mmCIF file of all heavy atoms, coordinates in Angstrom:
data_MODEL
# 
_entry.id   MODEL 
# 
loop_
_atom_site.group_PDB 
_atom_site.id 
_atom_site.type_symbol 
_atom_site.label_atom_id 
_atom_site.label_alt_id 
_atom_site.label_comp_id 
_atom_site.label_asym_id 
_atom_site.label_entity_id 
_atom_site.label_seq_id 
_atom_site.pdbx_PDB_ins_code 
_atom_site.Cartn_x 
_atom_site.Cartn_y 
_atom_site.Cartn_z 
_atom_site.occupancy 
_atom_site.B_iso_or_equiv 
_atom_site.pdbx_formal_charge 
_atom_site.auth_seq_id 
_atom_site.auth_comp_id 
_atom_site.auth_asym_id 
_atom_site.auth_atom_id 
_atom_site.pdbx_PDB_model_num 
ATOM 1   N N   . PRO A 1 1  ? -9.747  45.159 -19.146 1.00 0.00 ? 1  PRO A N   1 
ATOM 2   C CA  . PRO A 1 1  ? -8.851  45.977 -19.858 1.00 0.00 ? 1  PRO A CA  1 
ATOM 3   C C   . PRO A 1 1  ? -9.508  46.483 -21.142 1.00 0.00 ? 1  PRO A C   1 
ATOM 4   O O   . PRO A 1 1  ? -10.166 45.704 -21.877 1.00 0.00 ? 1  PRO A O   1 
ATOM 5   C CB  . PRO A 1 1  ? -7.662  45.082 -20.086 1.00 0.00 ? 1  PRO A CB  1 
ATOM 6   C CG  . PRO A 1 1  ? -7.802  43.933 -19.011 1.00 0.00 ? 1  PRO A CG  1 
ATOM 7   C CD  . PRO A 1 1  ? -9.299  43.777 -18.892 1.00 0.00 ? 1  PRO A CD  1 
ATOM 8   N N   . PHE A 1 2  ? -9.328  47.695 -21.499 1.00 0.00 ? 2  PHE A N   1 
ATOM 9   C CA  . PHE A 1 2  ? -9.818  48.284 -22.751 1.00 0.00 ? 2  PHE A CA  1 
ATOM 10  C C   . PHE A 1 2  ? -8.890  49.417 -23.225 1.00 0.00 ? 2  PHE A C   1 
ATOM 11  O O   . PHE A 1 2  ? -8.143  49.979 -22.378 1.00 0.00 ? 2  PHE A O   1 
ATOM 12  C CB  . PHE A 1 2  ? -11.330 48.697 -22.667 1.00 0.00 ? 2  PHE A CB  1 
ATOM 13  C CG  . PHE A 1 2  ? -11.594 49.665 -21.680 1.00 0.00 ? 2  PHE A CG  1 
ATOM 14  C CD1 . PHE A 1 2  ? -11.354 51.089 -21.804 1.00 0.00 ? 2  PHE A CD1 1 
ATOM 15  C CD2 . PHE A 1 2  ? -12.174 49.315 -20.497 1.00 0.00 ? 2  PHE A CD2 1 
ATOM 16  C CE1 . PHE A 1 2  ? -11.706 52.030 -20.903 1.00 0.00 ? 2  PHE A CE1 1 
ATOM 17  C CE2 . PHE A 1 2  ? -12.516 50.233 -19.535 1.00 0.00 ? 2  PHE A CE2 1 
ATOM 18  C CZ  . PHE A 1 2  ? -12.250 51.575 -19.688 1.00 0.00 ? 2  PHE A CZ  1 
ATOM 19  N N   . ASN A 1 3  ? -9.014  49.801 -24.430 1.00 0.00 ? 3  ASN A N   1 
ATOM 20  C CA  . ASN A 1 3  ? -8.092  50.926 -24.898 1.00 0.00 ? 3  ASN A CA  1 
ATOM 21  C C   . ASN A 1 3  ? -8.589  52.305 -24.631 1.00 0.00 ? 3  ASN A C   1 
ATOM 22  O O   . ASN A 1 3  ? -9.836  52.557 -24.423 1.00 0.00 ? 3  ASN A O   1 
ATOM 23  C CB  . ASN A 1 3  ? -8.007  50.736 -26.463 1.00 0.00 ? 3  ASN A CB  1 
ATOM 24  C CG  . ASN A 1 3  ? -6.949  49.778 -26.890 1.00 0.00 ? 3  ASN A CG  1 
ATOM 25  O OD1 . ASN A 1 3  ? -6.119  49.301 -26.093 1.00 0.00 ? 3  ASN A OD1 1 
ATOM 26  N ND2 . ASN A 1 3  ? -7.077  49.383 -28.176 1.00 0.00 ? 3  ASN A ND2 1 
ATOM 27  N N   . ALA A 1 4  ? -7.684  53.189 -24.545 1.00 0.00 ? 4  ALA A N   1 
ATOM 28  C CA  . ALA A 1 4  ? -7.941  54.680 -24.588 1.00 0.00 ? 4  ALA A CA  1 
ATOM 29  C C   . ALA A 1 4  ? -7.321  55.139 -25.849 1.00 0.00 ? 4  ALA A C   1 
ATOM 30  O O   . ALA A 1 4  ? -6.546  54.602 -26.575 1.00 0.00 ? 4  ALA A O   1 
ATOM 31  C CB  . ALA A 1 4  ? -7.364  55.264 -23.308 1.00 0.00 ? 4  ALA A CB  1 
ATOM 32  N N   . HIS A 1 5  ? -7.738  56.441 -26.295 1.00 0.00 ? 5  HIS A N   1 
ATOM 33  C CA  . HIS A 1 5  ? -7.164  57.144 -27.387 1.00 0.00 ? 5  HIS A CA  1 
ATOM 34  C C   . HIS A 1 5  ? -6.123  57.995 -26.936 1.00 0.00 ? 5  HIS A C   1 
ATOM 35  O O   . HIS A 1 5  ? -6.265  58.832 -25.924 1.00 0.00 ? 5  HIS A O   1 
ATOM 36  C CB  . HIS A 1 5  ? -8.244  57.984 -28.010 1.00 0.00 ? 5  HIS A CB  1 
ATOM 37  C CG  . HIS A 1 5  ? -9.413  57.260 -28.832 1.00 0.00 ? 5  HIS A CG  1 
ATOM 38  N ND1 . HIS A 1 5  ? -10.566 57.093 -28.414 1.00 0.00 ? 5  HIS A ND1 1 
ATOM 39  C CD2 . HIS A 1 5  ? -9.260  56.667 -30.018 1.00 0.00 ? 5  HIS A CD2 1 
ATOM 40  C CE1 . HIS A 1 5  ? -11.284 56.442 -29.288 1.00 0.00 ? 5  HIS A CE1 1 
ATOM 41  N NE2 . HIS A 1 5  ? -10.508 56.139 -30.291 1.00 0.00 ? 5  HIS A NE2 1 
ATOM 42  N N   . TYR A 1 6  ? -5.068  58.127 -27.712 1.00 0.00 ? 6  TYR A N   1 
ATOM 43  C CA  . TYR A 1 6  ? -4.052  59.281 -27.585 1.00 0.00 ? 6  TYR A CA  1 
ATOM 44  C C   . TYR A 1 6  ? -3.871  59.736 -29.052 1.00 0.00 ? 6  TYR A C   1 
ATOM 45  O O   . TYR A 1 6  ? -4.576  59.290 -29.959 1.00 0.00 ? 6  TYR A O   1 
ATOM 46  C CB  . TYR A 1 6  ? -2.700  58.635 -27.005 1.00 0.00 ? 6  TYR A CB  1 
ATOM 47  C CG  . TYR A 1 6  ? -2.898  58.074 -25.632 1.00 0.00 ? 6  TYR A CG  1 
ATOM 48  C CD1 . TYR A 1 6  ? -3.141  56.687 -25.590 1.00 0.00 ? 6  TYR A CD1 1 
ATOM 49  C CD2 . TYR A 1 6  ? -2.953  58.840 -24.533 1.00 0.00 ? 6  TYR A CD2 1 
ATOM 50  C CE1 . TYR A 1 6  ? -3.455  56.091 -24.267 1.00 0.00 ? 6  TYR A CE1 1 
ATOM 51  C CE2 . TYR A 1 6  ? -3.163  58.236 -23.351 1.00 0.00 ? 6  TYR A CE2 1 
ATOM 52  C CZ  . TYR A 1 6  ? -3.442  56.842 -23.105 1.00 0.00 ? 6  TYR A CZ  1 
ATOM 53  O OH  . TYR A 1 6  ? -3.741  56.378 -21.891 1.00 0.00 ? 6  TYR A OH  1 
ATOM 54  N N   . CYS A 1 7  ? -3.104  60.748 -29.191 1.00 0.00 ? 7  CYS A N   1 
ATOM 55  C CA  . CYS A 1 7  ? -3.144  61.434 -30.517 1.00 0.00 ? 7  CYS A CA  1 
ATOM 56  C C   . CYS A 1 7  ? -1.837  62.165 -30.843 1.00 0.00 ? 7  CYS A C   1 
ATOM 57  O O   . CYS A 1 7  ? -1.261  62.699 -29.896 1.00 0.00 ? 7  CYS A O   1 
ATOM 58  C CB  . CYS A 1 7  ? -4.262  62.427 -30.665 1.00 0.00 ? 7  CYS A CB  1 
ATOM 59  S SG  . CYS A 1 7  ? -4.681  62.984 -32.290 1.00 0.00 ? 7  CYS A SG  1 
ATOM 60  N N   . LYS A 1 8  ? -1.485  61.997 -32.051 1.00 0.00 ? 8  LYS A N   1 
ATOM 61  C CA  . LYS A 1 8  ? -0.393  62.948 -32.569 1.00 0.00 ? 8  LYS A CA  1 
ATOM 62  C C   . LYS A 1 8  ? -0.881  64.408 -32.692 1.00 0.00 ? 8  LYS A C   1 
ATOM 63  O O   . LYS A 1 8  ? -2.051  64.612 -33.137 1.00 0.00 ? 8  LYS A O   1 
ATOM 64  C CB  . LYS A 1 8  ? 0.068   62.438 -33.964 1.00 0.00 ? 8  LYS A CB  1 
ATOM 65  C CG  . LYS A 1 8  ? 0.635   60.984 -33.947 1.00 0.00 ? 8  LYS A CG  1 
ATOM 66  C CD  . LYS A 1 8  ? 0.907   60.586 -35.302 1.00 0.00 ? 8  LYS A CD  1 
ATOM 67  C CE  . LYS A 1 8  ? 1.239   59.046 -35.363 1.00 0.00 ? 8  LYS A CE  1 
ATOM 68  N NZ  . LYS A 1 8  ? 1.339   58.562 -36.788 1.00 0.00 ? 8  LYS A NZ  1 
ATOM 69  N N   . PRO A 1 9  ? -0.024  65.343 -32.485 1.00 0.00 ? 9  PRO A N   1 
ATOM 70  C CA  . PRO A 1 9  ? -0.329  66.781 -32.743 1.00 0.00 ? 9  PRO A CA  1 
ATOM 71  C C   . PRO A 1 9  ? -0.571  67.003 -34.206 1.00 0.00 ? 9  PRO A C   1 
ATOM 72  O O   . PRO A 1 9  ? 0.083   66.446 -35.008 1.00 0.00 ? 9  PRO A O   1 
ATOM 73  C CB  . PRO A 1 9  ? 0.705   67.559 -32.172 1.00 0.00 ? 9  PRO A CB  1 
ATOM 74  C CG  . PRO A 1 9  ? 1.925   66.653 -32.236 1.00 0.00 ? 9  PRO A CG  1 
ATOM 75  C CD  . PRO A 1 9  ? 1.387   65.206 -31.949 1.00 0.00 ? 9  PRO A CD  1 
ATOM 76  N N   . ASN A 1 10 ? -1.540  67.934 -34.534 1.00 0.00 ? 10 ASN A N   1 
ATOM 77  C CA  . ASN A 1 10 ? -1.814  68.251 -35.892 1.00 0.00 ? 10 ASN A CA  1 
ATOM 78  C C   . ASN A 1 10 ? -2.382  69.743 -35.934 1.00 0.00 ? 10 ASN A C   1 
ATOM 79  O O   . ASN A 1 10 ? -3.368  69.957 -35.204 1.00 0.00 ? 10 ASN A O   1 
ATOM 80  C CB  . ASN A 1 10 ? -2.753  67.253 -36.584 1.00 0.00 ? 10 ASN A CB  1 
ATOM 81  C CG  . ASN A 1 10 ? -3.023  67.453 -38.022 1.00 0.00 ? 10 ASN A CG  1 
ATOM 82  O OD1 . ASN A 1 10 ? -2.988  68.531 -38.519 1.00 0.00 ? 10 ASN A OD1 1 
ATOM 83  N ND2 . ASN A 1 10 ? -3.217  66.389 -38.809 1.00 0.00 ? 10 ASN A ND2 1 
ATOM 84  N N   . ASP A 1 11 ? -1.822  70.563 -36.653 1.00 0.00 ? 11 ASP A N   1 
ATOM 85  C CA  . ASP A 1 11 ? -2.196  72.018 -36.607 1.00 0.00 ? 11 ASP A CA  1 
ATOM 86  C C   . ASP A 1 11 ? -3.666  72.131 -37.080 1.00 0.00 ? 11 ASP A C   1 
ATOM 87  O O   . ASP A 1 11 ? -4.290  73.208 -36.905 1.00 0.00 ? 11 ASP A O   1 
ATOM 88  C CB  . ASP A 1 11 ? -1.340  72.814 -37.451 1.00 0.00 ? 11 ASP A CB  1 
ATOM 89  C CG  . ASP A 1 11 ? 0.057   72.988 -36.802 1.00 0.00 ? 11 ASP A CG  1 
ATOM 90  O OD1 . ASP A 1 11 ? 0.219   72.786 -35.585 1.00 0.00 ? 11 ASP A OD1 1 
ATOM 91  O OD2 . ASP A 1 11 ? 1.049   73.409 -37.556 1.00 0.00 ? 11 ASP A OD2 1 
ATOM 92  N N   . ALA A 1 12 ? -4.209  71.135 -37.790 1.00 0.00 ? 12 ALA A N   1 
ATOM 93  C CA  . ALA A 1 12 ? -5.580  71.228 -38.305 1.00 0.00 ? 12 ALA A CA  1 
ATOM 94  C C   . ALA A 1 12 ? -6.596  70.901 -37.065 1.00 0.00 ? 12 ALA A C   1 
ATOM 95  O O   . ALA A 1 12 ? -7.848  71.319 -37.307 1.00 0.00 ? 12 ALA A O   1 
ATOM 96  C CB  . ALA A 1 12 ? -5.867  70.156 -39.354 1.00 0.00 ? 12 ALA A CB  1 
ATOM 97  N N   . GLN A 1 13 ? -6.253  70.489 -36.034 1.00 0.00 ? 13 GLN A N   1 
ATOM 98  C CA  . GLN A 1 13 ? -7.101  70.245 -34.906 1.00 0.00 ? 13 GLN A CA  1 
ATOM 99  C C   . GLN A 1 13 ? -7.619  71.613 -34.282 1.00 0.00 ? 13 GLN A C   1 
ATOM 100 O O   . GLN A 1 13 ? -6.841  72.575 -34.234 1.00 0.00 ? 13 GLN A O   1 
ATOM 101 C CB  . GLN A 1 13 ? -6.411  69.433 -33.790 1.00 0.00 ? 13 GLN A CB  1 
ATOM 102 C CG  . GLN A 1 13 ? -6.042  68.050 -34.229 1.00 0.00 ? 13 GLN A CG  1 
ATOM 103 C CD  . GLN A 1 13 ? -5.029  67.410 -33.191 1.00 0.00 ? 13 GLN A CD  1 
ATOM 104 O OE1 . GLN A 1 13 ? -4.643  68.024 -32.246 1.00 0.00 ? 13 GLN A OE1 1 
ATOM 105 N NE2 . GLN A 1 13 ? -4.639  66.198 -33.600 1.00 0.00 ? 13 GLN A NE2 1 
ATOM 106 N N   . ARG A 1 14 ? -8.898  71.606 -34.038 1.00 0.00 ? 14 ARG A N   1 
ATOM 107 C CA  . ARG A 1 14 ? -9.462  72.860 -33.531 1.00 0.00 ? 14 ARG A CA  1 
ATOM 108 C C   . ARG A 1 14 ? -9.825  72.638 -32.022 1.00 0.00 ? 14 ARG A C   1 
ATOM 109 O O   . ARG A 1 14 ? -10.785 71.918 -31.692 1.00 0.00 ? 14 ARG A O   1 
ATOM 110 C CB  . ARG A 1 14 ? -10.760 73.244 -34.335 1.00 0.00 ? 14 ARG A CB  1 
ATOM 111 C CG  . ARG A 1 14 ? -10.508 73.554 -35.746 1.00 0.00 ? 14 ARG A CG  1 
ATOM 112 C CD  . ARG A 1 14 ? -11.718 74.152 -36.518 1.00 0.00 ? 14 ARG A CD  1 
ATOM 113 N NE  . ARG A 1 14 ? -12.802 73.164 -36.580 1.00 0.00 ? 14 ARG A NE  1 
ATOM 114 C CZ  . ARG A 1 14 ? -12.923 72.269 -37.639 1.00 0.00 ? 14 ARG A CZ  1 
ATOM 115 N NH1 . ARG A 1 14 ? -12.067 72.249 -38.634 1.00 0.00 ? 14 ARG A NH1 1 
ATOM 116 N NH2 . ARG A 1 14 ? -13.911 71.443 -37.616 1.00 0.00 ? 14 ARG A NH2 1 
ATOM 117 N N   . TRP A 1 15 ? -9.105  73.254 -31.192 1.00 0.00 ? 15 TRP A N   1 
ATOM 118 C CA  . TRP A 1 15 ? -9.184  73.109 -29.715 1.00 0.00 ? 15 TRP A CA  1 
ATOM 119 C C   . TRP A 1 15 ? -9.978  74.253 -29.132 1.00 0.00 ? 15 TRP A C   1 
ATOM 120 O O   . TRP A 1 15 ? -9.861  75.457 -29.554 1.00 0.00 ? 15 TRP A O   1 
ATOM 121 C CB  . TRP A 1 15 ? -7.758  73.071 -29.120 1.00 0.00 ? 15 TRP A CB  1 
ATOM 122 C CG  . TRP A 1 15 ? -7.183  71.711 -29.253 1.00 0.00 ? 15 TRP A CG  1 
ATOM 123 C CD1 . TRP A 1 15 ? -6.342  71.317 -30.307 1.00 0.00 ? 15 TRP A CD1 1 
ATOM 124 C CD2 . TRP A 1 15 ? -7.321  70.565 -28.463 1.00 0.00 ? 15 TRP A CD2 1 
ATOM 125 N NE1 . TRP A 1 15 ? -5.979  70.141 -30.143 1.00 0.00 ? 15 TRP A NE1 1 
ATOM 126 C CE2 . TRP A 1 15 ? -6.551  69.486 -29.039 1.00 0.00 ? 15 TRP A CE2 1 
ATOM 127 C CE3 . TRP A 1 15 ? -8.067  70.318 -27.282 1.00 0.00 ? 15 TRP A CE3 1 
ATOM 128 C CZ2 . TRP A 1 15 ? -6.468  68.267 -28.455 1.00 0.00 ? 15 TRP A CZ2 1 
ATOM 129 C CZ3 . TRP A 1 15 ? -7.963  69.074 -26.706 1.00 0.00 ? 15 TRP A CZ3 1 
ATOM 130 C CH2 . TRP A 1 15 ? -7.226  68.082 -27.291 1.00 0.00 ? 15 TRP A CH2 1 
ATOM 131 N N   . ASN A 1 16 ? -10.843 73.989 -28.189 1.00 0.00 ? 16 ASN A N   1 
ATOM 132 C CA  . ASN A 1 16 ? -11.777 74.836 -27.567 1.00 0.00 ? 16 ASN A CA  1 
ATOM 133 C C   . ASN A 1 16 ? -11.834 74.789 -26.090 1.00 0.00 ? 16 ASN A C   1 
ATOM 134 O O   . ASN A 1 16 ? -11.496 73.720 -25.508 1.00 0.00 ? 16 ASN A O   1 
ATOM 135 C CB  . ASN A 1 16 ? -13.181 74.734 -28.165 1.00 0.00 ? 16 ASN A CB  1 
ATOM 136 C CG  . ASN A 1 16 ? -13.289 74.733 -29.590 1.00 0.00 ? 16 ASN A CG  1 
ATOM 137 O OD1 . ASN A 1 16 ? -13.560 75.756 -30.199 1.00 0.00 ? 16 ASN A OD1 1 
ATOM 138 N ND2 . ASN A 1 16 ? -12.988 73.640 -30.264 1.00 0.00 ? 16 ASN A ND2 1 
ATOM 139 N N   . TYR A 1 17 ? -12.263 75.810 -25.443 1.00 0.00 ? 17 TYR A N   1 
ATOM 140 C CA  . TYR A 1 17 ? -12.631 75.802 -23.998 1.00 0.00 ? 17 TYR A CA  1 
ATOM 141 C C   . TYR A 1 17 ? -13.779 76.802 -23.707 1.00 0.00 ? 17 TYR A C   1 
ATOM 142 O O   . TYR A 1 17 ? -14.126 77.534 -24.715 1.00 0.00 ? 17 TYR A O   1 
ATOM 143 C CB  . TYR A 1 17 ? -11.358 76.058 -23.117 1.00 0.00 ? 17 TYR A CB  1 
ATOM 144 C CG  . TYR A 1 17 ? -11.188 77.575 -22.889 1.00 0.00 ? 17 TYR A CG  1 
ATOM 145 C CD1 . TYR A 1 17 ? -11.276 78.086 -21.554 1.00 0.00 ? 17 TYR A CD1 1 
ATOM 146 C CD2 . TYR A 1 17 ? -10.837 78.442 -23.859 1.00 0.00 ? 17 TYR A CD2 1 
ATOM 147 C CE1 . TYR A 1 17 ? -11.072 79.516 -21.351 1.00 0.00 ? 17 TYR A CE1 1 
ATOM 148 C CE2 . TYR A 1 17 ? -10.577 79.693 -23.714 1.00 0.00 ? 17 TYR A CE2 1 
ATOM 149 C CZ  . TYR A 1 17 ? -10.722 80.270 -22.384 1.00 0.00 ? 17 TYR A CZ  1 
ATOM 150 O OH  . TYR A 1 17 ? -10.507 81.667 -22.118 1.00 0.00 ? 17 TYR A OH  1 
ATOM 151 N N   . TYR A 1 18 ? -14.335 76.771 -22.534 1.00 0.00 ? 18 TYR A N   1 
ATOM 152 C CA  . TYR A 1 18 ? -15.280 77.817 -22.224 1.00 0.00 ? 18 TYR A CA  1 
ATOM 153 C C   . TYR A 1 18 ? -14.802 78.677 -21.056 1.00 0.00 ? 18 TYR A C   1 
ATOM 154 O O   . TYR A 1 18 ? -14.501 78.126 -19.999 1.00 0.00 ? 18 TYR A O   1 
ATOM 155 C CB  . TYR A 1 18 ? -16.678 77.216 -21.847 1.00 0.00 ? 18 TYR A CB  1 
ATOM 156 C CG  . TYR A 1 18 ? -17.377 76.588 -23.040 1.00 0.00 ? 18 TYR A CG  1 
ATOM 157 C CD1 . TYR A 1 18 ? -17.132 75.332 -23.428 1.00 0.00 ? 18 TYR A CD1 1 
ATOM 158 C CD2 . TYR A 1 18 ? -18.291 77.280 -23.819 1.00 0.00 ? 18 TYR A CD2 1 
ATOM 159 C CE1 . TYR A 1 18 ? -17.829 74.655 -24.495 1.00 0.00 ? 18 TYR A CE1 1 
ATOM 160 C CE2 . TYR A 1 18 ? -18.881 76.844 -24.986 1.00 0.00 ? 18 TYR A CE2 1 
ATOM 161 C CZ  . TYR A 1 18 ? -18.730 75.475 -25.283 1.00 0.00 ? 18 TYR A CZ  1 
ATOM 162 O OH  . TYR A 1 18 ? -19.366 74.991 -26.322 1.00 0.00 ? 18 TYR A OH  1 
ATOM 163 N N   . SER A 1 19 ? -14.628 79.882 -21.291 1.00 0.00 ? 19 SER A N   1 
ATOM 164 C CA  . SER A 1 19 ? -14.057 80.792 -20.205 1.00 0.00 ? 19 SER A CA  1 
ATOM 165 C C   . SER A 1 19 ? -15.078 80.959 -19.116 1.00 0.00 ? 19 SER A C   1 
ATOM 166 O O   . SER A 1 19 ? -16.262 80.953 -19.221 1.00 0.00 ? 19 SER A O   1 
ATOM 167 C CB  . SER A 1 19 ? -13.743 82.134 -20.808 1.00 0.00 ? 19 SER A CB  1 
ATOM 168 O OG  . SER A 1 19 ? -14.922 82.741 -21.377 1.00 0.00 ? 19 SER A OG  1 
ATOM 169 N N   . ALA A 1 20 ? -14.469 81.071 -17.916 1.00 0.00 ? 20 ALA A N   1 
ATOM 170 C CA  . ALA A 1 20 ? -15.235 81.408 -16.613 1.00 0.00 ? 20 ALA A CA  1 
ATOM 171 C C   . ALA A 1 20 ? -16.383 80.553 -16.473 1.00 0.00 ? 20 ALA A C   1 
ATOM 172 O O   . ALA A 1 20 ? -17.483 81.059 -16.101 1.00 0.00 ? 20 ALA A O   1 
ATOM 173 C CB  . ALA A 1 20 ? -15.603 82.898 -16.684 1.00 0.00 ? 20 ALA A CB  1 
ATOM 174 N N   . MET A 1 21 ? -16.279 79.257 -16.572 1.00 0.00 ? 21 MET A N   1 
ATOM 175 C CA  . MET A 1 21 ? -17.408 78.381 -16.259 1.00 0.00 ? 21 MET A CA  1 
ATOM 176 C C   . MET A 1 21 ? -17.930 78.472 -14.797 1.00 0.00 ? 21 MET A C   1 
ATOM 177 O O   . MET A 1 21 ? -17.070 78.593 -13.917 1.00 0.00 ? 21 MET A O   1 
ATOM 178 C CB  . MET A 1 21 ? -17.047 76.873 -16.609 1.00 0.00 ? 21 MET A CB  1 
ATOM 179 C CG  . MET A 1 21 ? -17.063 76.551 -18.053 1.00 0.00 ? 21 MET A CG  1 
ATOM 180 S SD  . MET A 1 21 ? -16.736 74.797 -18.352 1.00 0.00 ? 21 MET A SD  1 
ATOM 181 C CE  . MET A 1 21 ? -18.181 74.081 -17.495 1.00 0.00 ? 21 MET A CE  1 
ATOM 182 N N   . THR A 1 22 ? -19.157 78.486 -14.686 1.00 0.00 ? 22 THR A N   1 
ATOM 183 C CA  . THR A 1 22 ? -19.783 78.465 -13.288 1.00 0.00 ? 22 THR A CA  1 
ATOM 184 C C   . THR A 1 22 ? -20.342 77.196 -12.951 1.00 0.00 ? 22 THR A C   1 
ATOM 185 O O   . THR A 1 22 ? -20.507 76.276 -13.744 1.00 0.00 ? 22 THR A O   1 
ATOM 186 C CB  . THR A 1 22 ? -20.853 79.583 -13.252 1.00 0.00 ? 22 THR A CB  1 
ATOM 187 O OG1 . THR A 1 22 ? -22.075 79.045 -13.952 1.00 0.00 ? 22 THR A OG1 1 
ATOM 188 C CG2 . THR A 1 22 ? -20.392 80.915 -13.911 1.00 0.00 ? 22 THR A CG2 1 
ATOM 189 N N   . ARG A 1 23 ? -20.670 77.097 -11.600 1.00 0.00 ? 23 ARG A N   1 
ATOM 190 C CA  . ARG A 1 23 ? -21.351 75.800 -11.115 1.00 0.00 ? 23 ARG A CA  1 
ATOM 191 C C   . ARG A 1 23 ? -22.685 75.587 -11.846 1.00 0.00 ? 23 ARG A C   1 
ATOM 192 O O   . ARG A 1 23 ? -23.181 74.435 -11.780 1.00 0.00 ? 23 ARG A O   1 
ATOM 193 C CB  . ARG A 1 23 ? -21.557 75.981 -9.705  1.00 0.00 ? 23 ARG A CB  1 
ATOM 194 C CG  . ARG A 1 23 ? -20.386 75.818 -8.772  1.00 0.00 ? 23 ARG A CG  1 
ATOM 195 C CD  . ARG A 1 23 ? -20.754 75.855 -7.363  1.00 0.00 ? 23 ARG A CD  1 
ATOM 196 N NE  . ARG A 1 23 ? -19.621 75.531 -6.398  1.00 0.00 ? 23 ARG A NE  1 
ATOM 197 C CZ  . ARG A 1 23 ? -19.665 75.384 -5.075  1.00 0.00 ? 23 ARG A CZ  1 
ATOM 198 N NH1 . ARG A 1 23 ? -20.760 75.716 -4.525  1.00 0.00 ? 23 ARG A NH1 1 
ATOM 199 N NH2 . ARG A 1 23 ? -18.583 75.106 -4.426  1.00 0.00 ? 23 ARG A NH2 1 
ATOM 200 N N   . ASP A 1 24 ? -23.285 76.560 -12.414 1.00 0.00 ? 24 ASP A N   1 
ATOM 201 C CA  . ASP A 1 24 ? -24.556 76.347 -13.056 1.00 0.00 ? 24 ASP A CA  1 
ATOM 202 C C   . ASP A 1 24 ? -24.474 75.882 -14.455 1.00 0.00 ? 24 ASP A C   1 
ATOM 203 O O   . ASP A 1 24 ? -25.479 75.736 -15.159 1.00 0.00 ? 24 ASP A O   1 
ATOM 204 C CB  . ASP A 1 24 ? -25.304 77.675 -13.081 1.00 0.00 ? 24 ASP A CB  1 
ATOM 205 C CG  . ASP A 1 24 ? -25.869 78.041 -11.713 1.00 0.00 ? 24 ASP A CG  1 
ATOM 206 O OD1 . ASP A 1 24 ? -25.919 77.184 -10.800 1.00 0.00 ? 24 ASP A OD1 1 
ATOM 207 O OD2 . ASP A 1 24 ? -26.139 79.204 -11.444 1.00 0.00 ? 24 ASP A OD2 1 
ATOM 208 N N   . GLU A 1 25 ? -23.251 75.611 -14.987 1.00 0.00 ? 25 GLU A N   1 
ATOM 209 C CA  . GLU A 1 25 ? -23.052 75.250 -16.437 1.00 0.00 ? 25 GLU A CA  1 
ATOM 210 C C   . GLU A 1 25 ? -22.469 73.810 -16.425 1.00 0.00 ? 25 GLU A C   1 
ATOM 211 O O   . GLU A 1 25 ? -21.580 73.474 -15.586 1.00 0.00 ? 25 GLU A O   1 
ATOM 212 C CB  . GLU A 1 25 ? -22.188 76.230 -17.081 1.00 0.00 ? 25 GLU A CB  1 
ATOM 213 C CG  . GLU A 1 25 ? -22.772 77.699 -17.198 1.00 0.00 ? 25 GLU A CG  1 
ATOM 214 C CD  . GLU A 1 25 ? -21.799 78.628 -17.684 1.00 0.00 ? 25 GLU A CD  1 
ATOM 215 O OE1 . GLU A 1 25 ? -20.512 78.443 -17.609 1.00 0.00 ? 25 GLU A OE1 1 
ATOM 216 O OE2 . GLU A 1 25 ? -22.294 79.649 -18.203 1.00 0.00 ? 25 GLU A OE2 1 
ATOM 217 N N   . ALA A 1 26 ? -22.810 73.099 -17.419 1.00 0.00 ? 26 ALA A N   1 
ATOM 218 C CA  . ALA A 1 26 ? -22.250 71.728 -17.645 1.00 0.00 ? 26 ALA A CA  1 
ATOM 219 C C   . ALA A 1 26 ? -21.697 71.622 -19.073 1.00 0.00 ? 26 ALA A C   1 
ATOM 220 O O   . ALA A 1 26 ? -22.396 71.985 -20.029 1.00 0.00 ? 26 ALA A O   1 
ATOM 221 C CB  . ALA A 1 26 ? -23.351 70.654 -17.379 1.00 0.00 ? 26 ALA A CB  1 
# 
């Protein structure tokens, strides 16, 4: 057994994703 992180929402957080990822990208 070990812990995981969860989190409260905060508008200062900067969320990102990468559009249209392909199989050739990691």
